[in-house]
Protein backbone atom coordinates (compact mmCIF):
# COMPACT_ATOMS: atom_id res chain seq x y z
CA MET A 1 -18.65 -23.05 28.14
CA ILE A 2 -21.00 -22.25 31.06
CA GLU A 3 -18.36 -20.49 34.16
CA TYR A 4 -19.24 -21.49 37.44
CA GLU A 5 -18.34 -17.66 38.05
CA ASN A 6 -16.75 -14.72 36.52
CA LEU A 7 -16.56 -11.66 37.91
CA ALA A 8 -16.22 -9.57 35.22
CA LYS A 9 -19.25 -10.72 33.99
CA THR A 10 -21.06 -10.35 37.31
CA ASN A 11 -19.75 -7.02 37.99
CA ALA A 12 -20.25 -5.47 34.55
CA SER A 13 -23.13 -4.04 34.73
CA PHE A 14 -21.58 -1.76 37.86
CA THR A 15 -18.83 -0.41 36.11
CA ALA A 16 -19.78 2.78 35.90
CA GLU A 17 -20.91 3.70 38.88
CA TYR A 18 -17.78 1.79 40.59
CA LEU A 19 -15.49 4.32 38.55
CA ALA A 20 -17.89 7.25 39.62
CA ALA A 21 -17.49 6.30 43.21
CA VAL A 22 -13.64 5.99 42.47
CA SER A 23 -13.76 9.20 41.48
CA ARG A 24 -15.13 11.22 44.06
CA LEU A 25 -13.50 9.05 46.79
CA LEU A 26 -10.19 10.14 44.83
CA ASP A 27 -11.23 13.88 45.04
CA GLY A 28 -12.60 13.93 49.15
CA GLY A 29 -8.67 12.20 49.38
CA SER A 30 -10.55 10.45 52.67
CA PHE A 31 -9.20 6.81 52.41
CA ILE A 32 -9.69 5.44 56.13
CA LEU A 33 -12.89 5.21 57.88
CA GLY A 34 -13.99 7.89 55.80
CA ASP A 35 -17.40 8.84 54.21
CA ASN A 36 -18.09 5.54 52.23
CA VAL A 37 -17.40 3.28 55.53
CA HIS A 38 -19.90 5.09 57.58
CA GLN A 39 -22.58 6.01 54.71
CA PHE A 40 -22.53 2.19 54.14
CA GLU A 41 -22.59 0.90 57.49
CA SER A 42 -25.93 3.06 57.90
CA GLU A 43 -27.22 1.38 54.62
CA PHE A 44 -26.67 -2.29 55.55
CA ALA A 45 -27.75 -2.29 59.01
CA ARG A 46 -30.88 -0.11 57.93
CA TYR A 47 -31.55 -2.73 55.36
CA CYS A 48 -30.72 -5.49 57.38
CA GLY A 49 -33.38 -4.19 59.86
CA SER A 50 -30.40 -3.88 62.69
CA SER A 51 -29.75 -0.57 64.60
CA HIS A 52 -25.69 -0.77 63.80
CA CYS A 53 -22.84 -2.01 61.58
CA VAL A 54 -19.72 -2.36 61.67
CA GLY A 55 -17.58 -2.55 58.91
CA VAL A 56 -14.62 -4.89 59.15
CA ALA A 57 -11.40 -6.23 56.84
CA SER A 58 -13.35 -9.47 55.46
CA GLY A 59 -15.75 -12.29 57.34
CA PHE A 60 -13.14 -13.77 59.11
CA ASP A 61 -12.65 -10.63 60.89
CA ALA A 62 -16.38 -10.32 61.93
CA ILE A 63 -16.78 -13.29 63.38
CA TYR A 64 -13.54 -13.21 65.38
CA LEU A 65 -14.13 -9.57 66.47
CA ALA A 66 -17.83 -10.50 67.29
CA LEU A 67 -16.52 -13.10 69.64
CA ARG A 68 -13.60 -11.15 70.98
CA ALA A 69 -16.24 -8.54 72.00
CA LEU A 70 -18.01 -11.05 73.83
CA ASP A 71 -14.71 -11.68 76.16
CA LEU A 72 -15.71 -15.05 76.88
CA PRO A 73 -13.00 -16.55 79.13
CA ALA A 74 -10.26 -18.49 77.46
CA GLY A 75 -11.32 -22.46 76.85
CA SER A 76 -14.89 -21.52 76.08
CA GLU A 77 -16.82 -23.83 74.24
CA VAL A 78 -18.50 -22.75 70.84
CA ILE A 79 -21.06 -24.85 68.88
CA ILE A 80 -20.78 -24.89 65.21
CA PRO A 81 -22.10 -26.99 62.98
CA SER A 82 -20.14 -30.10 62.11
CA ASN A 83 -19.92 -29.04 57.98
CA ALA A 84 -18.89 -25.23 58.74
CA TYR A 85 -16.51 -23.96 56.38
CA VAL A 86 -13.15 -24.12 58.50
CA ALA A 87 -13.16 -20.33 58.54
CA THR A 88 -15.97 -20.08 61.26
CA ILE A 89 -13.86 -22.61 63.21
CA LEU A 90 -10.53 -21.04 62.77
CA ALA A 91 -11.99 -17.44 64.04
CA ALA A 92 -13.70 -18.84 67.30
CA VAL A 93 -9.99 -20.82 67.30
CA GLN A 94 -7.79 -17.66 67.28
CA CYS A 95 -10.37 -16.05 70.20
CA GLY A 96 -8.84 -19.10 72.49
CA LEU A 97 -12.13 -20.95 72.34
CA LYS A 98 -12.69 -24.70 71.80
CA PRO A 99 -14.77 -25.56 69.31
CA VAL A 100 -17.84 -28.02 69.41
CA LEU A 101 -18.97 -29.49 66.49
CA VAL A 102 -22.54 -30.26 66.11
CA GLU A 103 -24.33 -32.78 63.16
CA PRO A 104 -26.63 -30.36 60.90
CA ARG A 105 -29.54 -31.80 59.17
CA ILE A 106 -28.94 -34.04 56.20
CA GLU A 107 -32.68 -31.98 54.70
CA THR A 108 -30.74 -28.15 55.06
CA TYR A 109 -27.29 -28.64 55.97
CA ASN A 110 -28.02 -26.41 58.80
CA LEU A 111 -27.09 -26.65 62.62
CA ASN A 112 -29.79 -29.58 64.04
CA PRO A 113 -31.57 -27.77 67.18
CA ASP A 114 -32.41 -31.47 68.41
CA LEU A 115 -28.73 -32.52 68.67
CA ILE A 116 -27.54 -28.66 70.72
CA GLU A 117 -28.54 -29.31 74.19
CA ALA A 118 -25.90 -32.97 73.97
CA SER A 119 -22.93 -30.85 73.78
CA VAL A 120 -24.06 -27.59 76.17
CA ASN A 121 -21.84 -27.95 79.74
CA GLU A 122 -20.67 -26.11 81.82
CA HIS A 123 -18.21 -24.13 79.51
CA THR A 124 -20.67 -23.86 77.05
CA ARG A 125 -20.97 -20.20 76.16
CA ALA A 126 -22.30 -19.44 72.48
CA ILE A 127 -24.05 -21.05 69.93
CA LEU A 128 -22.51 -20.26 66.28
CA PRO A 129 -25.13 -20.95 63.78
CA VAL A 130 -23.93 -20.93 60.08
CA HIS A 131 -26.72 -19.60 57.31
CA LEU A 132 -25.07 -22.29 54.52
CA TYR A 133 -25.70 -21.52 50.69
CA GLY A 134 -28.17 -18.81 51.39
CA LYS A 135 -30.64 -20.72 53.84
CA LEU A 136 -31.02 -19.54 57.75
CA SER A 137 -30.80 -21.70 60.28
CA GLU A 138 -34.08 -22.70 62.79
CA MET A 139 -33.44 -19.60 64.93
CA ALA A 140 -36.64 -19.78 66.78
CA ALA A 141 -35.30 -23.23 68.03
CA ILE A 142 -31.63 -22.07 68.43
CA THR A 143 -32.13 -18.42 69.97
CA GLU A 144 -35.09 -20.45 72.73
CA ILE A 145 -32.14 -22.97 73.95
CA ALA A 146 -29.62 -20.18 74.11
CA GLN A 147 -31.76 -18.40 76.34
CA LYS A 148 -32.50 -21.70 78.03
CA HIS A 149 -28.94 -22.14 78.62
CA LYS A 150 -27.62 -18.42 78.91
CA LEU A 151 -25.87 -18.35 75.89
CA PHE A 152 -24.39 -15.96 73.37
CA VAL A 153 -25.27 -16.70 69.69
CA VAL A 154 -23.21 -15.02 66.77
CA GLU A 155 -24.74 -15.79 63.48
CA ASP A 156 -22.52 -16.54 60.78
CA CYS A 157 -24.14 -14.62 57.48
CA ALA A 158 -21.21 -14.77 54.95
CA GLN A 159 -23.61 -16.59 52.63
CA ALA A 160 -27.24 -15.17 53.55
CA HIS A 161 -27.27 -11.46 53.06
CA GLY A 162 -31.19 -10.69 53.07
CA ALA A 163 -32.30 -14.06 53.47
CA ARG A 164 -34.96 -14.39 55.91
CA TYR A 165 -36.84 -16.86 58.29
CA LYS A 166 -40.33 -16.63 58.97
CA GLY A 167 -40.00 -12.73 58.26
CA GLN A 168 -36.98 -12.25 59.82
CA VAL A 169 -33.58 -11.44 58.51
CA SER A 170 -30.24 -12.83 58.67
CA GLY A 171 -28.08 -11.73 61.56
CA THR A 172 -30.96 -10.13 63.55
CA PHE A 173 -31.73 -13.43 65.69
CA GLY A 174 -28.98 -13.15 67.95
CA ASP A 175 -25.96 -11.25 69.48
CA PHE A 176 -24.18 -11.06 66.51
CA GLY A 177 -24.60 -11.06 62.96
CA ALA A 178 -21.33 -11.65 60.97
CA PHE A 179 -21.39 -11.02 57.16
CA SER A 180 -18.41 -11.51 54.26
CA PHE A 181 -18.70 -9.40 51.35
CA TYR A 182 -15.98 -11.45 49.15
CA PRO A 183 -16.34 -11.10 45.49
CA THR A 184 -18.42 -13.97 45.15
CA LYS A 185 -21.31 -13.31 47.45
CA ASN A 186 -24.41 -12.15 46.60
CA LEU A 187 -23.29 -8.36 47.72
CA GLY A 188 -19.51 -8.55 46.77
CA ALA A 189 -17.21 -6.26 47.09
CA LEU A 190 -14.32 -6.36 44.90
CA GLY A 191 -11.50 -7.58 47.37
CA ASP A 192 -12.19 -9.19 51.23
CA ALA A 193 -14.34 -7.16 53.24
CA GLY A 194 -16.95 -7.78 56.14
CA GLY A 195 -19.61 -6.48 57.83
CA VAL A 196 -20.91 -7.00 62.02
CA ILE A 197 -24.58 -6.00 62.69
CA THR A 198 -25.83 -5.78 66.37
CA ARG A 199 -28.56 -4.29 67.91
CA ASP A 200 -26.67 -3.60 71.09
CA ALA A 201 -25.47 -0.40 71.03
CA THR A 202 -22.66 -1.36 73.41
CA HIS A 203 -21.49 -4.24 71.09
CA ALA A 204 -20.99 -2.29 68.62
CA ASP A 205 -19.07 0.16 69.89
CA GLN A 206 -16.56 -2.49 71.27
CA VAL A 207 -15.88 -4.16 67.99
CA ARG A 208 -15.47 -0.82 66.33
CA THR A 209 -13.11 -0.88 69.08
CA LEU A 210 -11.51 -4.01 68.75
CA ARG A 211 -11.02 -3.22 64.45
CA ASN A 212 -8.69 0.04 64.93
CA TYR A 213 -5.97 -1.51 67.32
CA GLY A 214 -8.29 -0.95 70.52
CA SER A 215 -8.78 2.87 70.48
CA LYS A 216 -11.63 4.78 70.22
CA VAL A 217 -9.22 8.03 70.04
CA LYS A 218 -6.30 7.81 68.45
CA TYR A 219 -3.17 6.92 69.97
CA HIS A 220 -5.06 5.84 72.92
CA ASN A 221 -5.45 2.15 73.16
CA ILE A 222 -7.57 0.85 75.81
CA VAL A 223 -7.80 -2.95 75.02
CA GLN A 224 -5.41 -5.18 72.74
CA GLY A 225 -7.43 -4.27 69.16
CA VAL A 226 -6.65 -5.54 65.94
CA ASN A 227 -6.34 -3.41 62.18
CA SER A 228 -9.29 -4.98 60.92
CA ARG A 229 -11.15 -1.58 59.10
CA LEU A 230 -13.19 -1.85 56.12
CA ASP A 231 -11.59 -0.54 53.28
CA GLU A 232 -12.75 3.14 51.98
CA ILE A 233 -13.43 1.78 48.30
CA GLN A 234 -14.80 -1.38 49.36
CA ALA A 235 -17.27 0.25 51.18
CA ALA A 236 -17.99 2.80 47.95
CA PHE A 237 -18.25 -0.46 45.68
CA LEU A 238 -20.80 -2.17 48.60
CA ARG A 239 -23.24 0.97 48.55
CA VAL A 240 -23.18 0.81 44.94
CA LYS A 241 -24.36 -2.77 44.80
CA LEU A 242 -26.32 -2.75 48.26
CA ARG A 243 -28.83 -0.52 45.85
CA SER A 244 -29.13 -3.75 43.32
CA LEU A 245 -29.20 -6.07 46.16
CA ASP A 246 -32.82 -7.36 46.10
CA ARG A 247 -32.82 -7.39 42.16
CA ILE A 248 -29.89 -9.89 42.35
CA THR A 249 -31.46 -12.02 44.63
CA ALA A 250 -34.79 -12.25 42.62
CA HIS A 251 -32.72 -13.23 39.87
CA LYS A 252 -30.80 -15.87 41.34
CA ARG A 253 -34.34 -16.96 43.34
CA ASN A 254 -35.52 -17.40 39.96
CA LEU A 255 -32.78 -19.33 38.29
CA ALA A 256 -33.22 -21.56 41.69
CA SER A 257 -36.84 -21.70 40.50
CA ILE A 258 -35.96 -23.48 37.06
CA TYR A 259 -33.30 -25.95 38.31
CA MET A 260 -36.11 -27.15 40.66
CA SER A 261 -38.60 -27.80 38.34
CA GLU A 262 -36.44 -28.73 35.50
CA ILE A 263 -34.07 -31.38 37.12
CA LYS A 264 -35.40 -34.68 37.18
CA GLY A 265 -33.78 -38.11 38.48
CA GLU A 266 -32.04 -39.28 41.38
CA PHE A 267 -30.70 -35.69 42.76
CA VAL A 268 -31.32 -34.51 46.26
CA LEU A 269 -32.34 -31.10 45.52
CA PRO A 270 -32.56 -28.01 48.09
CA HIS A 271 -34.91 -28.41 50.65
CA THR A 272 -37.96 -25.42 50.59
CA SER A 273 -40.57 -24.65 52.70
CA ASP A 274 -42.85 -21.40 53.53
CA ASP A 275 -40.76 -21.05 56.54
CA TYR A 276 -37.43 -19.49 54.61
CA PHE A 277 -36.72 -17.06 51.80
CA ASP A 278 -33.41 -18.51 50.52
CA VAL A 279 -31.23 -16.00 48.63
CA PHE A 280 -29.55 -18.93 46.83
CA HIS A 281 -25.52 -18.09 47.18
CA ILE A 282 -24.82 -21.66 46.24
CA PHE A 283 -27.03 -24.39 44.65
CA ASN A 284 -26.04 -27.12 45.70
CA ILE A 285 -27.27 -30.85 45.12
CA ARG A 286 -26.39 -34.10 46.07
CA HIS A 287 -25.50 -37.14 44.02
CA PRO A 288 -23.84 -40.81 45.40
CA GLU A 289 -21.69 -40.53 42.35
CA ARG A 290 -20.74 -36.67 42.19
CA ASP A 291 -17.33 -37.02 40.99
CA ARG A 292 -18.20 -38.85 38.30
CA LEU A 293 -21.15 -36.51 37.78
CA ARG A 294 -18.74 -33.67 37.92
CA ASP A 295 -16.69 -35.14 35.10
CA HIS A 296 -19.96 -35.72 32.79
CA LEU A 297 -20.68 -31.70 33.23
CA LEU A 298 -17.37 -30.49 32.75
CA LYS A 299 -17.33 -32.67 29.17
CA HIS A 300 -20.57 -30.88 28.44
CA GLY A 301 -19.00 -27.70 28.71
CA ILE A 302 -20.32 -26.94 32.50
CA ARG A 303 -17.98 -25.78 35.40
CA THR A 304 -19.17 -26.70 39.10
CA GLU A 305 -17.79 -26.07 42.49
CA ILE A 306 -17.84 -28.48 45.86
CA HIS A 307 -18.36 -26.49 48.53
CA TYR A 308 -16.45 -27.77 50.41
CA PRO A 309 -14.31 -30.83 49.81
CA ILE A 310 -13.19 -32.08 52.82
CA PRO A 311 -15.29 -31.57 56.67
CA PRO A 312 -13.65 -29.97 59.17
CA HIS A 313 -12.86 -32.83 61.39
CA LYS A 314 -10.48 -34.18 58.65
CA GLN A 315 -8.78 -30.68 58.09
CA PRO A 316 -5.06 -31.74 59.31
CA ALA A 317 -4.97 -27.72 61.07
CA LEU A 318 -8.11 -28.69 63.47
CA ALA A 319 -8.42 -32.56 63.32
CA HIS A 320 -6.62 -32.73 66.80
CA PHE A 321 -9.55 -30.91 68.29
CA PHE A 322 -11.54 -33.74 67.38
CA ALA A 323 -9.90 -37.13 67.86
CA GLY A 324 -11.81 -39.49 68.33
CA GLN A 325 -14.90 -37.98 67.34
CA GLU A 326 -17.17 -39.18 64.27
CA PHE A 327 -19.30 -36.68 62.11
CA PRO A 328 -21.22 -39.29 59.32
CA ILE A 329 -23.63 -36.64 58.29
CA SER A 330 -20.95 -34.22 57.77
CA ASP A 331 -19.19 -37.01 55.70
CA GLU A 332 -22.28 -37.90 53.93
CA ILE A 333 -22.53 -34.03 52.54
CA HIS A 334 -18.99 -33.33 51.63
CA MET A 335 -18.95 -36.53 49.61
CA THR A 336 -21.87 -36.20 47.61
CA THR A 337 -22.81 -32.17 47.38
CA LEU A 338 -22.17 -30.27 43.71
CA SER A 339 -22.84 -26.58 43.53
CA LEU A 340 -24.59 -25.78 40.20
CA PRO A 341 -23.93 -22.37 38.22
CA ILE A 342 -26.00 -20.05 39.69
CA ALA A 343 -24.07 -16.59 39.84
CA ALA A 344 -25.70 -13.19 39.02
CA PHE A 345 -24.54 -13.09 34.99
CA HIS A 346 -25.81 -16.46 34.64
CA THR A 347 -29.25 -17.03 32.25
CA GLU A 348 -32.59 -18.55 32.26
CA GLU A 349 -30.99 -20.45 29.25
CA ASP A 350 -27.61 -21.66 31.04
CA VAL A 351 -29.39 -22.79 34.18
CA ARG A 352 -32.31 -25.01 31.56
CA THR A 353 -28.76 -26.33 29.63
CA VAL A 354 -27.54 -27.69 33.37
CA ALA A 355 -30.70 -29.19 34.10
CA LYS A 356 -30.84 -31.08 31.05
CA VAL A 357 -27.64 -32.22 30.56
CA LEU A 358 -27.88 -33.58 34.21
CA ASN A 359 -31.11 -35.46 33.51
CA GLU A 360 -29.38 -37.03 30.70
CA PHE A 361 -26.65 -38.42 33.40
């Protein structure tokens, strides 16, 4: 069986370092916003080429707190790709903002800059591009539109740790970059965790205050914040794995290159170009008979995933926001996309086997 993911195998090479980190943590006795959190924030900011990082409890909270820090008027509109994961949209809704869906490019699955301005009006305050699957959005065009219309930009970098567009790292184009360190990510913790990066010291201070009950000084609460602090033990694990992130990325890029060269037939493969340094958190293909293809792979001992089976505008929790609207490109992506095994523990032999079985379909 070729598993889609196995987190025990993914983290096995870090076990000794994880145990040593836990031992140091227990000896130190500082468990909330201690040295590991502060060190990780500094190390991850440096890795991204940003000035500040604020560790928070999850990727959802990273988006939510970045939007909260912008202090937008209630009901302000935020432009989001129509094929985004539901968490991105929920974060905006939880801030009292109105999500406005704009279709992606079918080639890259990321927000289509050519369609953004048609949705900009006097209520629009921000653009929230999602760097899906480990490929950056077209940030040069998006930031140009944002500057023209005086809009904020919050990048959803949950799947794009270390990805680059024209040499620039994810999360450094806009006002904020919001990251998830969910266990399956290329830089994954052993539980929920997230982070916000920014070059603006005031923005960083706002997120730092909001994550800790709206407090800068203990028992003094200046705004209505939340409890969303990066856990000290998760920060310790992330510090260990961050040192190997480039190695993990190189391995996944190598596996992706094998897929790209060995998969034949009528499969839509990921779009690549010299402008993009993709990190392949997910290696997705598309096929009009996706479900039958998935069954074929499973019968041959290969597990896959679907990211994602239901588009946001058809989710019962969100459908009322988009009543009467149609998003055919998003529908097409969600009906045909399939994610192939490309975890850190997979081998070249694994992906060659997957390619061979695909080619037999």
